[in-house]
Amino acid sequence: MSFRKSATCVGKASGQPVTEYDSEYEAHDGAAHARLASGQDLVPYLCGRCRLWHLAPRSRQTPSTTCGHCTGADGKPKEAYATERDAERRAEILRAERGVHLRAYPCHYGQGWHLTKS
């Protein structure tokens, strides 16, 4: 199994470098190992930033892709969620963890749903 700490991606909750895997298969193995070793319920996801696989707690998993059209106020590409419910779930997680109030809105280019402060 090939894994290492990422030089580019950090955990949204921890702020620490996340483990990256070269394949989905390896990420599933990593999730199974974490479940056996520590009881953590983790699921793999393909990172839109580095295009490698990471693990996230199942309770925090809200799959998204990087929108090729829309950017935030910081100039970075926005995340796009497949459904309004996925975007609202991410907004709920961020509200609980960081006290940030966001709302979901449809992408003007049909790429899914985005989050905004306004």
Protein backbone atom coordinates (compact mmCIF):
# COMPACT_ATOMS: atom_id res chain seq x y z
CA MET A 1 0.00 0.00 0.00
CA SER A 2 1.39 3.39 -1.02
CA PHE A 3 0.51 6.34 1.20
CA ARG A 4 2.15 9.46 2.60
CA LYS A 5 1.26 12.77 4.21
CA SER A 6 0.21 15.37 1.67
CA ALA A 7 2.37 18.38 0.90
CA THR A 8 -0.67 20.29 -0.44
CA CYS A 9 -3.85 19.15 1.32
CA VAL A 10 -4.83 19.58 4.96
CA GLY A 11 -7.81 18.31 6.94
CA LYS A 12 -10.69 20.77 7.05
CA ALA A 13 -11.28 20.12 10.74
CA SER A 14 -7.70 19.52 11.94
CA GLY A 15 -5.67 21.79 9.68
CA GLN A 16 -3.02 19.04 9.56
CA PRO A 17 -1.67 17.35 6.39
CA VAL A 18 -3.91 14.46 5.36
CA THR A 19 -2.77 11.05 4.20
CA GLU A 20 -2.86 10.65 0.44
CA TYR A 21 -3.23 7.42 -1.51
CA ASP A 22 -2.37 6.78 -5.15
CA SER A 23 -5.51 4.73 -5.87
CA GLU A 24 -9.05 4.22 -4.67
CA TYR A 25 -8.16 0.63 -3.81
CA GLU A 26 -5.33 1.77 -1.51
CA ALA A 27 -7.60 4.36 0.11
CA HIS A 28 -10.22 1.67 0.83
CA ASP A 29 -7.46 -0.45 2.41
CA GLY A 30 -6.44 2.55 4.53
CA ALA A 31 -10.04 3.07 5.65
CA ALA A 32 -10.35 -0.63 6.57
CA HIS A 33 -7.10 -0.47 8.54
CA ALA A 34 -8.29 2.64 10.43
CA ARG A 35 -11.58 0.92 11.25
CA LEU A 36 -9.78 -2.15 12.66
CA ALA A 37 -7.01 -0.23 14.46
CA SER A 38 -9.02 2.57 16.02
CA GLY A 39 -12.70 2.11 15.20
CA GLN A 40 -12.73 5.19 12.97
CA ASP A 41 -15.42 5.15 10.27
CA LEU A 42 -13.58 6.73 7.33
CA VAL A 43 -14.47 6.81 3.64
CA PRO A 44 -12.22 7.52 0.64
CA TYR A 45 -12.70 10.48 -1.66
CA LEU A 46 -10.89 11.74 -4.73
CA CYS A 47 -9.47 15.18 -3.99
CA GLY A 48 -10.29 17.86 -6.54
CA ARG A 49 -7.15 19.79 -5.65
CA CYS A 50 -4.35 17.19 -5.84
CA ARG A 51 -6.25 14.44 -7.75
CA LEU A 52 -5.14 11.83 -5.17
CA TRP A 53 -7.26 9.89 -2.68
CA HIS A 54 -7.80 10.95 0.95
CA LEU A 55 -9.97 9.70 3.81
CA ALA A 56 -12.68 11.61 5.67
CA PRO A 57 -14.99 10.70 8.54
CA ARG A 58 -18.22 9.33 7.08
CA SER A 59 -20.18 11.92 9.09
CA ARG A 60 -18.32 14.77 7.35
CA GLN A 61 -18.37 13.36 3.84
CA THR A 62 -20.02 15.67 1.34
CA PRO A 63 -18.63 14.81 -2.09
CA SER A 64 -17.78 17.77 -4.27
CA THR A 65 -15.82 18.68 -7.36
CA THR A 66 -13.95 21.84 -8.24
CA CYS A 67 -16.05 24.08 -10.47
CA GLY A 68 -14.26 25.03 -13.68
CA HIS A 69 -16.16 28.31 -13.98
CA CYS A 70 -16.89 29.89 -10.60
CA THR A 71 -14.49 31.46 -8.12
CA GLY A 72 -14.91 32.80 -4.62
CA ALA A 73 -14.01 36.28 -3.39
CA ASP A 74 -10.48 34.95 -2.78
CA GLY A 75 -10.14 34.08 -6.48
CA LYS A 76 -9.96 30.33 -5.83
CA PRO A 77 -12.26 27.92 -7.68
CA LYS A 78 -15.48 27.12 -5.84
CA GLU A 79 -16.45 23.63 -4.79
CA ALA A 80 -19.54 22.27 -6.56
CA TYR A 81 -21.89 19.84 -4.82
CA ALA A 82 -24.02 17.48 -6.90
CA THR A 83 -27.28 18.24 -5.09
CA GLU A 84 -28.75 21.05 -3.03
CA ARG A 85 -28.92 18.63 -0.09
CA ASP A 86 -25.17 17.89 -0.33
CA ALA A 87 -24.40 21.63 -0.32
CA GLU A 88 -26.75 22.25 2.62
CA ARG A 89 -25.15 19.39 4.54
CA ARG A 90 -21.68 20.94 4.02
CA ALA A 91 -23.10 24.31 5.17
CA GLU A 92 -24.46 22.64 8.34
CA ILE A 93 -21.05 21.07 9.06
CA LEU A 94 -19.25 24.39 8.63
CA ARG A 95 -21.81 26.18 10.80
CA ALA A 96 -21.32 23.64 13.60
CA GLU A 97 -17.51 23.55 13.34
CA ARG A 98 -16.66 27.16 12.54
CA GLY A 99 -19.77 29.21 13.22
CA VAL A 100 -19.91 30.26 9.55
CA HIS A 101 -23.38 30.78 8.12
CA LEU A 102 -23.61 29.80 4.44
CA ARG A 103 -26.44 29.17 2.02
CA ALA A 104 -26.62 26.98 -1.06
CA TYR A 105 -27.33 28.29 -4.55
CA PRO A 106 -27.29 26.68 -8.01
CA CYS A 107 -24.19 27.16 -10.16
CA HIS A 108 -24.92 29.56 -13.02
CA TYR A 109 -23.07 27.17 -15.36
CA GLY A 110 -24.98 24.03 -14.32
CA GLN A 111 -22.03 22.48 -12.44
CA GLY A 112 -24.09 21.72 -9.31
CA TRP A 113 -24.56 23.77 -6.15
CA HIS A 114 -22.24 26.25 -4.44
CA LEU A 115 -22.09 27.88 -1.01
CA THR A 116 -22.05 31.62 -0.33
CA LYS A 117 -21.95 33.89 2.70
CA SER A 118 -24.25 36.46 1.08
